[in-house]
Amino acid sequence: MSVDYKLYSDSTCDLSDEILSQMDVHLFQLGFEVDGKTYYGNEMPLTEFYSAMRSGAMTKTTQVSPSVYEEEFEKCIKAGFGVLHLAFSSGLSGSYNAACIAMDNLLEKYPKARIMIVDSLCASTGQGLLLIKADRLRRSGMGLGELTEWLENNKLHTCHVFTVDDLEYLRRGGRVSRTAAVAGSLLNIKPLLHVDNGGHLIPLGKVRGRRQSLDKLIEMVKERCGNWDNSEVCICHGDSLDDANYCADKLREIFGKDTIVHICYTGSVIGAHSGPGTIALFFMGDKR
C-alpha cells in the first residue's frame, strides 16, 4: 500500500545491512574518528574498528549537521512527500536538535510541508527495534500523524539493558571515574546499565564476572517485559558474537522458541563510547 511520506532515522539505529535491505528507510550517517581520521557508515569494517579499539586507538564521534538534514528533507518535500524522522536520543546527542532546526527552517520556506521529528529517546538497536516496527506500520498504510502518535506512545516502552566488558571506554566518555575503571578491571567488575526515560545512559549496578553480568541482563528483561508482545527482539554486540548468541538462547527461553532475535553489531558511533565486548538487549516492556 502506498503512503505519502518518507521515513528517516540515524545510523545509530545499529541495524544490519541485511535487515535494512528489507526496509524502506533513509539513514543519516553520523561520523566517527579513529586516531584522528574520520569515517562514515561502512568505510571501516566493524571487525577492524573493534580491533583498532582493542589496540588502543582513540575514537571520537560527530553528529549530523542541520544543513544535511535540511537538504535531504527538502528533496522529499519537493517530491510531494511528508517527512517522519525518528531521531537518535536527545539525551545522548545533539542530532535531534539539529533535525528540529532543519524542520523549522523548511517550514519557513514551505509552510504547508508535513514534517514530524520524533525524539526516540532510544539508542543503538533499541532505536533500531522501534524503527523496524515503524517501517512495518508505515508500509501497512498507517498515516503520518497516526504513526507519529504510535511512536510517541511506544518509545518509552522500548527497553534497553546492557553491560560492557571494560570500564575504560565509559571512563573516556565521563561515565565512570578513572579510579572506578582501574578497580573494575582489577576486580573483573562488570557494570549494568540502561537507558532511562530521558534517553540517558544510567548505571544500575554491577556484578563480578562476565557470565554473571549476562545472566543479570536476562533477569532485568524478566523484570521489565510485562505482557508486551516480544515475538521480535534485538541484541547488539561489540564484536562479541558468542555472548550475543548465549543471550539469544536465554531470550527464547523467556519469550518462546519461535521468537525472532535480531543480532546486530554495535555500530562504530555507539561502539566508540561503549567499547569492545558490549552486550545490549532490546525489547518491549512496562518500564525502562
C-alpha atoms as a PDB file:
ATOM      1  CA  MET A   1       0.000   0.000   0.000  1.00  0.00           C
ATOM      2  CA  SER A   2       1.452   3.372  -0.991  1.00  0.00           C
ATOM      3  CA  VAL A   3       1.901   6.129   1.569  1.00  0.00           C
ATOM      4  CA  ASP A   4       2.580   9.816   1.077  1.00  0.00           C
ATOM      5  CA  TYR A   5       5.524  10.282   3.437  1.00  0.00           C
ATOM      6  CA  LYS A   6       9.065   9.019   3.827  1.00  0.00           C
ATOM      7  CA  LEU A   7      10.646   7.501   6.921  1.00  0.00           C
ATOM      8  CA  TYR A   8      14.069   8.627   8.128  1.00  0.00           C
ATOM      9  CA  SER A   9      16.349   7.819  11.028  1.00  0.00           C
ATOM     10  CA  ASP A  10      20.008   7.978  12.080  1.00  0.00           C
ATOM     11  CA  SER A  11      22.775   5.416  11.583  1.00  0.00           C
ATOM     12  CA  THR A  12      22.864   4.973  15.362  1.00  0.00           C
ATOM     13  CA  CYS A  13      19.939   2.543  14.973  1.00  0.00           C
ATOM     14  CA  ASP A  14      22.638  -0.152  14.543  1.00  0.00           C
ATOM     15  CA  LEU A  15      20.671  -2.459  12.263  1.00  0.00           C
ATOM     16  CA  SER A  16      22.470  -4.908   9.992  1.00  0.00           C
ATOM     17  CA  ASP A  17      22.629  -4.371   6.250  1.00  0.00           C
ATOM     18  CA  GLU A  18      20.520  -7.485   5.844  1.00  0.00           C
ATOM     19  CA  ILE A  19      17.692  -6.028   7.932  1.00  0.00           C
ATOM     20  CA  LEU A  20      17.944  -2.579   6.349  1.00  0.00           C
ATOM     21  CA  SER A  21      17.775  -4.067   2.841  1.00  0.00           C
ATOM     22  CA  GLN A  22      14.230  -5.204   3.657  1.00  0.00           C
ATOM     23  CA  MET A  23      13.151  -1.775   4.916  1.00  0.00           C
ATOM     24  CA  ASP A  24      12.156   1.464   3.205  1.00  0.00           C
ATOM     25  CA  VAL A  25      14.046   3.987   5.302  1.00  0.00           C
ATOM     26  CA  HIS A  26      16.795   6.565   4.755  1.00  0.00           C
ATOM     27  CA  LEU A  27      19.532   6.783   7.394  1.00  0.00           C
ATOM     28  CA  PHE A  28      21.613   9.862   8.138  1.00  0.00           C
ATOM     29  CA  GLN A  29      25.216   8.907   8.794  1.00  0.00           C
ATOM     30  CA  LEU A  30      26.888  10.128  11.969  1.00  0.00           C
ATOM     31  CA  GLY A  31      30.662  10.182  11.702  1.00  0.00           C
ATOM     32  CA  PHE A  32      33.349   8.579  13.832  1.00  0.00           C
ATOM     33  CA  GLU A  33      37.065   9.153  14.146  1.00  0.00           C
ATOM     34  CA  VAL A  34      39.779   6.565  14.694  1.00  0.00           C
ATOM     35  CA  ASP A  35      43.119   8.105  15.637  1.00  0.00           C
ATOM     36  CA  GLY A  36      42.112  11.383  14.017  1.00  0.00           C
ATOM     37  CA  LYS A  37      40.768  10.011  10.727  1.00  0.00           C
ATOM     38  CA  THR A  38      37.040  10.441  10.064  1.00  0.00           C
ATOM     39  CA  TYR A  39      34.843   7.671   8.670  1.00  0.00           C
ATOM     40  CA  TYR A  40      31.159   7.268   7.827  1.00  0.00           C
ATOM     41  CA  GLY A  41      28.941   4.221   7.574  1.00  0.00           C
ATOM     42  CA  ASN A  42      30.780   1.097   6.456  1.00  0.00           C
ATOM     43  CA  GLU A  43      34.002   2.843   5.417  1.00  0.00           C
ATOM     44  CA  MET A  44      35.760   0.909   8.181  1.00  0.00           C
ATOM     45  CA  PRO A  45      34.557  -2.676   8.751  1.00  0.00           C
ATOM     46  CA  LEU A  46      33.326  -3.207  12.291  1.00  0.00           C
ATOM     47  CA  THR A  47      35.749  -6.031  12.964  1.00  0.00           C
ATOM     48  CA  GLU A  48      38.593  -3.684  12.014  1.00  0.00           C
ATOM     49  CA  PHE A  49      37.091  -0.896  14.121  1.00  0.00           C
ATOM     50  CA  TYR A  50      36.921  -3.035  17.265  1.00  0.00           C
ATOM     51  CA  SER A  51      40.375  -4.470  16.626  1.00  0.00           C
ATOM     52  CA  ALA A  52      41.710  -0.911  16.498  1.00  0.00           C
ATOM     53  CA  MET A  53      39.989  -0.094  19.784  1.00  0.00           C
ATOM     54  CA  ARG A  54      41.468  -3.155  21.449  1.00  0.00           C
ATOM     55  CA  SER A  55      44.880  -1.999  20.232  1.00  0.00           C
ATOM     56  CA  GLY A  56      44.417   1.366  21.946  1.00  0.00           C
ATOM     57  CA  ALA A  57      43.112   3.558  19.127  1.00  0.00           C
ATOM     58  CA  MET A  58      41.430   6.784  20.227  1.00  0.00           C
ATOM     59  CA  THR A  59      37.872   7.245  18.976  1.00  0.00           C
ATOM     60  CA  LYS A  60      35.518  10.212  18.726  1.00  0.00           C
ATOM     61  CA  THR A  61      32.142  10.805  17.089  1.00  0.00           C
ATOM     62  CA  THR A  62      30.359  13.613  15.238  1.00  0.00           C
ATOM     63  CA  GLN A  63      26.665  14.333  14.841  1.00  0.00           C
ATOM     64  CA  VAL A  64      24.718  15.245  11.706  1.00  0.00           C
ATOM     65  CA  SER A  65      24.561  18.973  10.924  1.00  0.00           C
ATOM     66  CA  PRO A  66      21.239  20.821  10.416  1.00  0.00           C
ATOM     67  CA  SER A  67      22.177  21.532   6.794  1.00  0.00           C
ATOM     68  CA  VAL A  68      22.453  17.819   5.985  1.00  0.00           C
ATOM     69  CA  TYR A  69      19.013  17.134   7.428  1.00  0.00           C
ATOM     70  CA  GLU A  70      17.581  20.176   5.682  1.00  0.00           C
ATOM     71  CA  GLU A  71      18.933  19.239   2.269  1.00  0.00           C
ATOM     72  CA  GLU A  72      17.508  15.719   2.380  1.00  0.00           C
ATOM     73  CA  PHE A  73      14.151  16.735   3.872  1.00  0.00           C
ATOM     74  CA  GLU A  74      13.764  19.446   1.225  1.00  0.00           C
ATOM     75  CA  LYS A  75      14.227  16.885  -1.554  1.00  0.00           C
ATOM     76  CA  CYS A  76      11.434  14.859  -0.022  1.00  0.00           C
ATOM     77  CA  ILE A  77       9.108  17.850   0.308  1.00  0.00           C
ATOM     78  CA  LYS A  78       9.739  18.983  -3.276  1.00  0.00           C
ATOM     79  CA  ALA A  79       8.838  15.480  -4.443  1.00  0.00           C
ATOM     80  CA  GLY A  80       5.467  15.864  -2.744  1.00  0.00           C
ATOM     81  CA  PHE A  81       6.060  13.699   0.323  1.00  0.00           C
ATOM     82  CA  GLY A  82       5.809  14.285   4.029  1.00  0.00           C
ATOM     83  CA  VAL A  83       8.715  13.568   6.401  1.00  0.00           C
ATOM     84  CA  LEU A  84       8.852  11.414   9.525  1.00  0.00           C
ATOM     85  CA  HIS A  85      12.257  11.330  11.198  1.00  0.00           C
ATOM     86  CA  LEU A  86      12.972   9.033  14.156  1.00  0.00           C
ATOM     87  CA  ALA A  87      15.949  10.700  15.804  1.00  0.00           C
ATOM     88  CA  PHE A  88      18.762   9.418  17.984  1.00  0.00           C
ATOM     89  CA  SER A  89      18.088  10.167  21.669  1.00  0.00           C
ATOM     90  CA  SER A  90      18.417  13.837  22.618  1.00  0.00           C
ATOM     91  CA  GLY A  91      19.845  12.589  25.911  1.00  0.00           C
ATOM     92  CA  LEU A  92      22.936  11.323  24.092  1.00  0.00           C
ATOM     93  CA  SER A  93      23.393  13.535  21.041  1.00  0.00           C
ATOM     94  CA  GLY A  94      22.548  16.896  19.519  1.00  0.00           C
ATOM     95  CA  SER A  95      21.291  15.210  16.354  1.00  0.00           C
ATOM     96  CA  TYR A  96      17.620  15.565  17.365  1.00  0.00           C
ATOM     97  CA  ASN A  97      18.022  19.293  17.898  1.00  0.00           C
ATOM     98  CA  ALA A  98      19.840  19.589  14.569  1.00  0.00           C
ATOM     99  CA  ALA A  99      16.904  17.880  12.821  1.00  0.00           C
ATOM    100  CA  CYS A 100      14.476  20.257  14.554  1.00  0.00           C
ATOM    101  CA  ILE A 101      16.479  23.258  13.319  1.00  0.00           C
ATOM    102  CA  ALA A 102      16.237  21.858   9.797  1.00  0.00           C
ATOM    103  CA  MET A 103      12.476  21.388  10.201  1.00  0.00           C
ATOM    104  CA  ASP A 104      11.982  24.969  11.415  1.00  0.00           C
ATOM    105  CA  ASN A 105      13.991  26.351   8.501  1.00  0.00           C
ATOM    106  CA  LEU A 106      11.982  24.342   5.998  1.00  0.00           C
ATOM    107  CA  LEU A 107       8.622  25.302   7.483  1.00  0.00           C
ATOM    108  CA  GLU A 108       9.531  28.946   6.915  1.00  0.00           C
ATOM    109  CA  LYS A 109      10.066  28.154   3.207  1.00  0.00           C
ATOM    110  CA  TYR A 110       7.270  25.607   2.901  1.00  0.00           C
ATOM    111  CA  PRO A 111       4.547  26.464   5.464  1.00  0.00           C
ATOM    112  CA  LYS A 112       2.327  23.607   4.292  1.00  0.00           C
ATOM    113  CA  ALA A 113       5.063  20.965   4.474  1.00  0.00           C
ATOM    114  CA  ARG A 114       4.345  17.953   6.640  1.00  0.00           C
ATOM    115  CA  ILE A 115       7.406  17.289   8.804  1.00  0.00           C
ATOM    116  CA  MET A 116       7.404  15.251  12.015  1.00  0.00           C
ATOM    117  CA  ILE A 117      10.533  14.805  14.146  1.00  0.00           C
ATOM    118  CA  VAL A 118      10.292  12.210  16.930  1.00  0.00           C
ATOM    119  CA  ASP A 119      12.906  12.142  19.677  1.00  0.00           C
ATOM    120  CA  SER A 120      13.221   8.379  20.036  1.00  0.00           C
ATOM    121  CA  LEU A 121      14.895   8.654  23.458  1.00  0.00           C
ATOM    122  CA  CYS A 122      16.464   5.397  22.276  1.00  0.00           C
ATOM    123  CA  ALA A 123      19.949   4.332  21.270  1.00  0.00           C
ATOM    124  CA  SER A 124      21.587   1.645  19.182  1.00  0.00           C
ATOM    125  CA  THR A 125      19.372  -1.294  18.290  1.00  0.00           C
ATOM    126  CA  GLY A 126      16.735  -0.023  20.721  1.00  0.00           C
ATOM    127  CA  GLN A 127      16.258   2.772  18.225  1.00  0.00           C
ATOM    128  CA  GLY A 128      16.512   0.053  15.589  1.00  0.00           C
ATOM    129  CA  LEU A 129      13.750  -2.068  17.125  1.00  0.00           C
ATOM    130  CA  LEU A 130      11.436   0.945  17.178  1.00  0.00           C
ATOM    131  CA  LEU A 131      12.394   1.711  13.573  1.00  0.00           C
ATOM    132  CA  ILE A 132      11.652  -1.862  12.442  1.00  0.00           C
ATOM    133  CA  LYS A 133       8.153  -1.551  13.882  1.00  0.00           C
ATOM    134  CA  ALA A 134       7.661   1.930  12.402  1.00  0.00           C
ATOM    135  CA  ASP A 135       8.721   0.786   8.938  1.00  0.00           C
ATOM    136  CA  ARG A 136       6.327  -2.133   9.076  1.00  0.00           C
ATOM    137  CA  LEU A 137       3.420   0.067  10.179  1.00  0.00           C
ATOM    138  CA  ARG A 138       4.183   2.651   7.503  1.00  0.00           C
ATOM    139  CA  ARG A 139       4.271   0.040   4.755  1.00  0.00           C
ATOM    140  CA  SER A 140       0.969  -1.375   6.021  1.00  0.00           C
ATOM    141  CA  GLY A 141      -0.597   2.014   5.297  1.00  0.00           C
ATOM    142  CA  MET A 142      -0.513   3.837   8.638  1.00  0.00           C
ATOM    143  CA  GLY A 143      -0.625   7.586   8.061  1.00  0.00           C
ATOM    144  CA  LEU A 144       1.983  10.148   9.076  1.00  0.00           C
ATOM    145  CA  GLY A 145       0.092  11.555  12.047  1.00  0.00           C
ATOM    146  CA  GLU A 146      -1.010   8.149  13.293  1.00  0.00           C
ATOM    147  CA  LEU A 147       2.488   6.665  13.118  1.00  0.00           C
ATOM    148  CA  THR A 148       3.959   9.717  14.845  1.00  0.00           C
ATOM    149  CA  GLU A 149       1.471   9.222  17.673  1.00  0.00           C
ATOM    150  CA  TRP A 150       2.264   5.495  17.826  1.00  0.00           C
ATOM    151  CA  LEU A 151       5.986   6.230  18.166  1.00  0.00           C
ATOM    152  CA  GLU A 152       5.403   8.768  20.914  1.00  0.00           C
ATOM    153  CA  ASN A 153       3.203   6.299  22.801  1.00  0.00           C
ATOM    154  CA  ASN A 154       5.601   3.359  22.490  1.00  0.00           C
ATOM    155  CA  LYS A 155       9.120   4.785  22.638  1.00  0.00           C
ATOM    156  CA  LEU A 156       9.345   4.725  26.442  1.00  0.00           C
ATOM    157  CA  HIS A 157       8.275   1.082  26.383  1.00  0.00           C
ATOM    158  CA  THR A 158      11.310   0.236  24.235  1.00  0.00           C
ATOM    159  CA  CYS A 159      13.661  -1.112  26.892  1.00  0.00           C
ATOM    160  CA  HIS A 160      17.472  -1.136  26.794  1.00  0.00           C
ATOM    161  CA  VAL A 161      19.620  -3.120  29.240  1.00  0.00           C
ATOM    162  CA  PHE A 162      23.316  -3.658  28.662  1.00  0.00           C
ATOM    163  CA  THR A 163      26.746  -4.337  30.042  1.00  0.00           C
ATOM    164  CA  VAL A 164      30.263  -3.540  28.897  1.00  0.00           C
ATOM    165  CA  ASP A 165      33.373  -5.656  29.153  1.00  0.00           C
ATOM    166  CA  ASP A 166      35.820  -2.876  30.005  1.00  0.00           C
ATOM    167  CA  LEU A 167      35.029   0.257  32.017  1.00  0.00           C
ATOM    168  CA  GLU A 168      37.855   2.180  30.342  1.00  0.00           C
ATOM    169  CA  TYR A 169      35.646   3.235  27.424  1.00  0.00           C
ATOM    170  CA  LEU A 170      32.922   4.549  29.724  1.00  0.00           C
ATOM    171  CA  ARG A 171      35.643   6.412  31.610  1.00  0.00           C
ATOM    172  CA  ARG A 172      36.728   8.151  28.427  1.00  0.00           C
ATOM    173  CA  GLY A 173      33.161   9.339  27.961  1.00  0.00           C
ATOM    174  CA  GLY A 174      32.921  10.586  31.524  1.00  0.00           C
ATOM    175  CA  ARG A 175      30.502   7.871  32.669  1.00  0.00           C
ATOM    176  CA  VAL A 176      32.787   6.471  35.389  1.00  0.00           C
ATOM    177  CA  SER A 177      35.854   7.754  37.203  1.00  0.00           C
ATOM    178  CA  ARG A 178      39.408   6.634  36.464  1.00  0.00           C
ATOM    179  CA  THR A 179      39.568   5.000  39.903  1.00  0.00           C
ATOM    180  CA  ALA A 180      36.399   3.010  39.222  1.00  0.00           C
ATOM    181  CA  ALA A 181      37.672   1.940  35.810  1.00  0.00           C
ATOM    182  CA  VAL A 182      41.002   0.723  37.181  1.00  0.00           C
ATOM    183  CA  ALA A 183      39.362  -1.038  40.118  1.00  0.00           C
ATOM    184  CA  GLY A 184      36.784  -2.615  37.818  1.00  0.00           C
ATOM    185  CA  SER A 185      39.475  -4.044  35.577  1.00  0.00           C
ATOM    186  CA  LEU A 186      41.443  -5.443  38.503  1.00  0.00           C
ATOM    187  CA  LEU A 187      38.392  -6.996  40.178  1.00  0.00           C
ATOM    188  CA  ASN A 188      36.615  -8.114  36.980  1.00  0.00           C
ATOM    189  CA  ILE A 189      33.678  -5.831  37.770  1.00  0.00           C
ATOM    190  CA  LYS A 190      31.049  -5.517  35.042  1.00  0.00           C
ATOM    191  CA  PRO A 191      28.559  -2.629  35.161  1.00  0.00           C
ATOM    192  CA  LEU A 192      24.857  -2.982  34.400  1.00  0.00           C
ATOM    193  CA  LEU A 193      23.257  -0.027  32.643  1.00  0.00           C
ATOM    194  CA  HIS A 194      20.030   1.025  30.967  1.00  0.00           C
ATOM    195  CA  VAL A 195      18.592   3.948  29.021  1.00  0.00           C
ATOM    196  CA  ASP A 196      16.167   5.930  31.172  1.00  0.00           C
ATOM    197  CA  ASN A 197      13.037   7.879  30.226  1.00  0.00           C
ATOM    198  CA  GLY A 198      15.181  10.898  29.418  1.00  0.00           C
ATOM    199  CA  GLY A 199      17.211   8.898  26.933  1.00  0.00           C
ATOM    200  CA  HIS A 200      20.356   8.908  29.087  1.00  0.00           C
ATOM    201  CA  LEU A 201      22.718   6.030  29.892  1.00  0.00           C
ATOM    202  CA  ILE A 202      22.273   5.258  33.577  1.00  0.00           C
ATOM    203  CA  PRO A 203      24.274   2.768  35.685  1.00  0.00           C
ATOM    204  CA  LEU A 204      22.014   0.409  37.640  1.00  0.00           C
ATOM    205  CA  GLY A 205      24.502  -1.814  39.411  1.00  0.00           C
ATOM    206  CA  LYS A 206      27.491  -4.053  38.953  1.00  0.00           C
ATOM    207  CA  VAL A 207      28.430  -7.694  39.264  1.00  0.00           C
ATOM    208  CA  ARG A 208      31.678  -9.611  39.208  1.00  0.00           C
ATOM    209  CA  GLY A 209      32.307 -11.729  36.135  1.00  0.00           C
ATOM    210  CA  ARG A 210      31.203 -11.691  32.517  1.00  0.00           C
ATOM    211  CA  ARG A 211      28.746 -14.587  32.609  1.00  0.00           C
ATOM    212  CA  GLN A 212      27.147 -13.209  35.758  1.00  0.00           C
ATOM    213  CA  SER A 213      26.606  -9.881  34.015  1.00  0.00           C
ATOM    214  CA  LEU A 214      24.873 -11.563  31.071  1.00  0.00           C
ATOM    215  CA  ASP A 215      22.630 -13.583  33.363  1.00  0.00           C
ATOM    216  CA  LYS A 216      21.730 -10.418  35.260  1.00  0.00           C
ATOM    217  CA  LEU A 217      20.672  -8.781  31.998  1.00  0.00           C
ATOM    218  CA  ILE A 218      18.273 -11.673  31.437  1.00  0.00           C
ATOM    219  CA  GLU A 219      16.838 -11.143  34.930  1.00  0.00           C
ATOM    220  CA  MET A 220      16.331  -7.473  34.086  1.00  0.00           C
ATOM    221  CA  VAL A 221      14.419  -8.456  30.951  1.00  0.00           C
ATOM    222  CA  LYS A 222      12.082 -10.633  33.022  1.00  0.00           C
ATOM    223  CA  GLU A 223      11.515  -7.788  35.480  1.00  0.00           C
ATOM    224  CA  ARG A 224      10.532  -5.302  32.773  1.00  0.00           C
ATOM    225  CA  CYS A 225       8.848  -7.154  29.903  1.00  0.00           C
ATOM    226  CA  GLY A 226       5.353  -7.492  31.369  1.00  0.00           C
ATOM    227  CA  ASN A 227       2.794  -8.804  28.883  1.00  0.00           C
ATOM    228  CA  TRP A 228       4.076  -6.907  25.873  1.00  0.00           C
ATOM    229  CA  ASP A 229       4.458  -8.606  22.504  1.00  0.00           C
ATOM    230  CA  ASN A 230       8.104  -9.664  22.318  1.00  0.00           C
ATOM    231  CA  SER A 231       7.880 -12.051  19.413  1.00  0.00           C
ATOM    232  CA  GLU A 232      10.653  -9.899  17.900  1.00  0.00           C
ATOM    233  CA  VAL A 233      13.569  -8.578  19.971  1.00  0.00           C
ATOM    234  CA  CYS A 234      17.090  -7.319  19.325  1.00  0.00           C
ATOM    235  CA  ILE A 235      20.608  -7.832  20.630  1.00  0.00           C
ATOM    236  CA  CYS A 236      23.666  -5.830  19.697  1.00  0.00           C
ATOM    237  CA  HIS A 237      27.247  -6.699  20.499  1.00  0.00           C
ATOM    238  CA  GLY A 238      30.660  -5.089  20.332  1.00  0.00           C
ATOM    239  CA  ASP A 239      32.399  -7.886  18.434  1.00  0.00           C
ATOM    240  CA  SER A 240      31.251 -10.498  20.951  1.00  0.00           C
ATOM    241  CA  LEU A 241      29.027 -12.830  18.962  1.00  0.00           C
ATOM    242  CA  ASP A 242      29.304 -15.871  21.268  1.00  0.00           C
ATOM    243  CA  ASP A 243      27.928 -13.845  24.181  1.00  0.00           C
ATOM    244  CA  ALA A 244      25.178 -12.455  21.955  1.00  0.00           C
ATOM    245  CA  ASN A 245      24.157 -15.986  20.957  1.00  0.00           C
ATOM    246  CA  TYR A 246      24.135 -17.027  24.622  1.00  0.00           C
ATOM    247  CA  CYS A 247      21.730 -14.190  25.399  1.00  0.00           C
ATOM    248  CA  ALA A 248      19.612 -15.010  22.335  1.00  0.00           C
ATOM    249  CA  ASP A 249      19.048 -18.530  23.644  1.00  0.00           C
ATOM    250  CA  LYS A 250      18.038 -17.126  27.028  1.00  0.00           C
ATOM    251  CA  LEU A 251      15.594 -14.678  25.417  1.00  0.00           C
ATOM    252  CA  ARG A 252      13.960 -17.534  23.512  1.00  0.00           C
ATOM    253  CA  GLU A 253      13.533 -19.351  26.818  1.00  0.00           C
ATOM    254  CA  ILE A 254      11.611 -16.321  28.104  1.00  0.00           C
ATOM    255  CA  PHE A 255       9.562 -15.380  25.043  1.00  0.00           C
ATOM    256  CA  GLY A 256       9.298 -18.702  23.184  1.00  0.00           C
ATOM    257  CA  LYS A 257      11.449 -20.728  20.837  1.00  0.00           C
ATOM    258  CA  ASP A 258       9.939 -19.038  17.756  1.00  0.00           C
ATOM    259  CA  THR A 259      10.934 -15.563  18.921  1.00  0.00           C
ATOM    260  CA  ILE A 260      12.781 -13.604  16.239  1.00  0.00           C
ATOM    261  CA  VAL A 261      16.047 -12.379  17.745  1.00  0.00           C
ATOM    262  CA  HIS A 262      17.879  -9.885  15.573  1.00  0.00           C
ATOM    263  CA  ILE A 263      21.601  -9.946  16.400  1.00  0.00           C
ATOM    264  CA  CYS A 264      23.495  -6.911  15.143  1.00  0.00           C
ATOM    265  CA  TYR A 265      26.859  -5.312  15.684  1.00  0.00           C
ATOM    266  CA  THR A 266      27.006  -2.273  17.909  1.00  0.00           C
ATOM    267  CA  GLY A 267      27.862   0.337  15.291  1.00  0.00           C
ATOM    268  CA  SER A 268      31.001   2.441  15.343  1.00  0.00           C
ATOM    269  CA  VAL A 269      29.320   5.595  16.691  1.00  0.00           C
ATOM    270  CA  ILE A 270      27.850   3.845  19.729  1.00  0.00           C
ATOM    271  CA  GLY A 271      30.779   1.440  19.995  1.00  0.00           C
ATOM    272  CA  ALA A 272      33.242   4.319  20.203  1.00  0.00           C
ATOM    273  CA  HIS A 273      31.789   5.044  23.653  1.00  0.00           C
ATOM    274  CA  SER A 274      30.849   1.560  24.882  1.00  0.00           C
ATOM    275  CA  GLY A 275      33.861  -0.372  23.587  1.00  0.00           C
ATOM    276  CA  PRO A 276      34.509  -3.970  22.514  1.00  0.00           C
ATOM    277  CA  GLY A 277      32.539  -6.615  24.339  1.00  0.00           C
ATOM    278  CA  THR A 278      29.390  -4.555  24.828  1.00  0.00           C
ATOM    279  CA  ILE A 279      26.221  -6.652  25.024  1.00  0.00           C
ATOM    280  CA  ALA A 280      22.826  -4.925  24.904  1.00  0.00           C
ATOM    281  CA  LEU A 281      19.319  -6.385  24.898  1.00  0.00           C
ATOM    282  CA  PHE A 282      16.294  -4.538  23.479  1.00  0.00           C
ATOM    283  CA  PHE A 283      12.674  -5.465  23.965  1.00  0.00           C
ATOM    284  CA  MET A 284       9.250  -4.015  24.760  1.00  0.00           C
ATOM    285  CA  GLY A 285       8.222  -3.693  28.382  1.00  0.00           C
ATOM    286  CA  ASP A 286       6.154  -1.999  31.053  1.00  0.00           C
ATOM    287  CA  LYS A 287       9.013   0.225  32.136  1.00  0.00           C
ATOM    288  CA  ARG A 288      12.566   1.040  31.249  1.00  0.00           C
END
